[in-house]
Amino acid sequence: MKAHHKDAALLLPEHVTLDWLAAQCSEEAECWIWNGRTTSNGYPLVFVGGADVSVRRVAAALAGNAFAPRQPITTTCRCRECV
């Protein structure tokens, strides 16, 4: 596995790219609505690197943004399913 981003704690497989992420979503207005698994609370979730990871954390990492491990990553629309 190779890191594609500044967050060294989140190692992503080569196939996990912004294009891959976008293909897993439906566009609604300015939102990318996740079509995959979600947490019991409805937040986007994906299995990468041997663990369940917030899709928002993956998207942020792919965009080159690093966040502390437990730092919440929110969207401006406040839609739970939005990436």
Protein backbone atom coordinates (compact mmCIF):
# COMPACT_ATOMS: atom_id res chain seq x y z
CA MET A 1 0.00 0.00 0.00
CA LYS A 2 1.11 3.53 -0.66
CA ALA A 3 0.11 6.77 1.02
CA HIS A 4 -1.41 9.28 -1.40
CA HIS A 5 -1.60 12.09 1.10
CA LYS A 6 -0.17 13.90 4.11
CA ASP A 7 -2.01 11.80 6.73
CA ALA A 8 0.57 9.08 7.34
CA ALA A 9 -1.85 7.22 9.64
CA LEU A 10 -4.22 6.55 6.72
CA LEU A 11 -2.63 4.32 4.10
CA LEU A 12 -4.85 3.80 1.08
CA PRO A 13 -4.66 1.12 -1.60
CA GLU A 14 -3.62 2.35 -5.05
CA HIS A 15 -7.16 1.98 -6.45
CA VAL A 16 -8.61 4.42 -3.91
CA THR A 17 -8.52 7.74 -5.77
CA LEU A 18 -10.83 10.74 -6.03
CA ASP A 19 -12.20 9.26 -9.27
CA TRP A 20 -12.94 5.96 -7.50
CA LEU A 21 -14.58 7.84 -4.64
CA ALA A 22 -16.74 9.91 -7.02
CA ALA A 23 -17.86 6.72 -8.80
CA GLN A 24 -19.24 5.44 -5.48
CA CYS A 25 -21.43 8.53 -5.08
CA SER A 26 -24.50 10.17 -6.61
CA GLU A 27 -24.27 13.88 -7.27
CA GLU A 28 -27.14 15.89 -5.80
CA ALA A 29 -26.79 19.66 -6.08
CA GLU A 30 -23.34 20.36 -4.58
CA CYS A 31 -23.21 17.09 -2.63
CA TRP A 32 -21.61 13.73 -3.29
CA ILE A 33 -24.08 11.30 -1.69
CA TRP A 34 -22.37 8.06 -0.65
CA ASN A 35 -23.98 4.92 -2.12
CA GLY A 36 -21.97 2.45 -0.06
CA ARG A 37 -21.97 1.30 3.55
CA THR A 38 -22.78 3.67 6.37
CA THR A 39 -22.41 3.67 10.12
CA SER A 40 -25.47 2.95 12.27
CA ASN A 41 -25.88 6.75 12.40
CA GLY A 42 -25.88 7.08 8.60
CA TYR A 43 -22.35 8.41 8.01
CA PRO A 44 -20.39 7.13 4.96
CA LEU A 45 -18.04 4.25 5.74
CA VAL A 46 -15.52 2.25 3.70
CA PHE A 47 -13.19 -0.67 4.48
CA VAL A 48 -9.59 0.23 3.55
CA GLY A 49 -6.26 -0.81 4.93
CA GLY A 50 -7.87 -3.52 7.05
CA ALA A 51 -10.26 -1.24 8.92
CA ASP A 52 -13.53 0.66 8.59
CA VAL A 53 -12.75 4.30 7.86
CA SER A 54 -14.90 7.39 7.47
CA VAL A 55 -15.31 8.16 3.77
CA ARG A 56 -14.96 11.83 4.62
CA ARG A 57 -11.54 11.12 6.14
CA VAL A 58 -10.54 9.26 2.95
CA ALA A 59 -11.78 12.14 0.77
CA ALA A 60 -9.95 14.71 2.88
CA ALA A 61 -6.74 12.67 2.73
CA LEU A 62 -7.01 12.29 -1.06
CA ALA A 63 -7.47 16.07 -1.33
CA GLY A 64 -4.22 16.55 0.61
CA ASN A 65 -5.74 17.58 3.93
CA ALA A 66 -4.49 16.05 7.16
CA PHE A 67 -6.70 15.76 10.22
CA ALA A 68 -6.03 14.54 13.75
CA PRO A 69 -7.21 10.93 14.23
CA ARG A 70 -10.37 11.81 16.18
CA GLN A 71 -10.98 15.26 14.70
CA PRO A 72 -14.50 15.40 13.21
CA ILE A 73 -14.72 16.15 9.50
CA THR A 74 -17.97 17.90 8.64
CA THR A 75 -19.60 19.04 5.42
CA THR A 76 -20.98 22.50 4.75
CA CYS A 77 -24.38 21.02 3.82
CA ARG A 78 -24.63 19.02 7.07
CA CYS A 79 -26.10 16.05 5.17
CA ARG A 80 -24.99 12.80 6.87
CA GLU A 81 -24.71 10.86 3.61
CA CYS A 82 -22.64 13.55 1.91
CA VAL A 83 -18.95 12.91 1.41
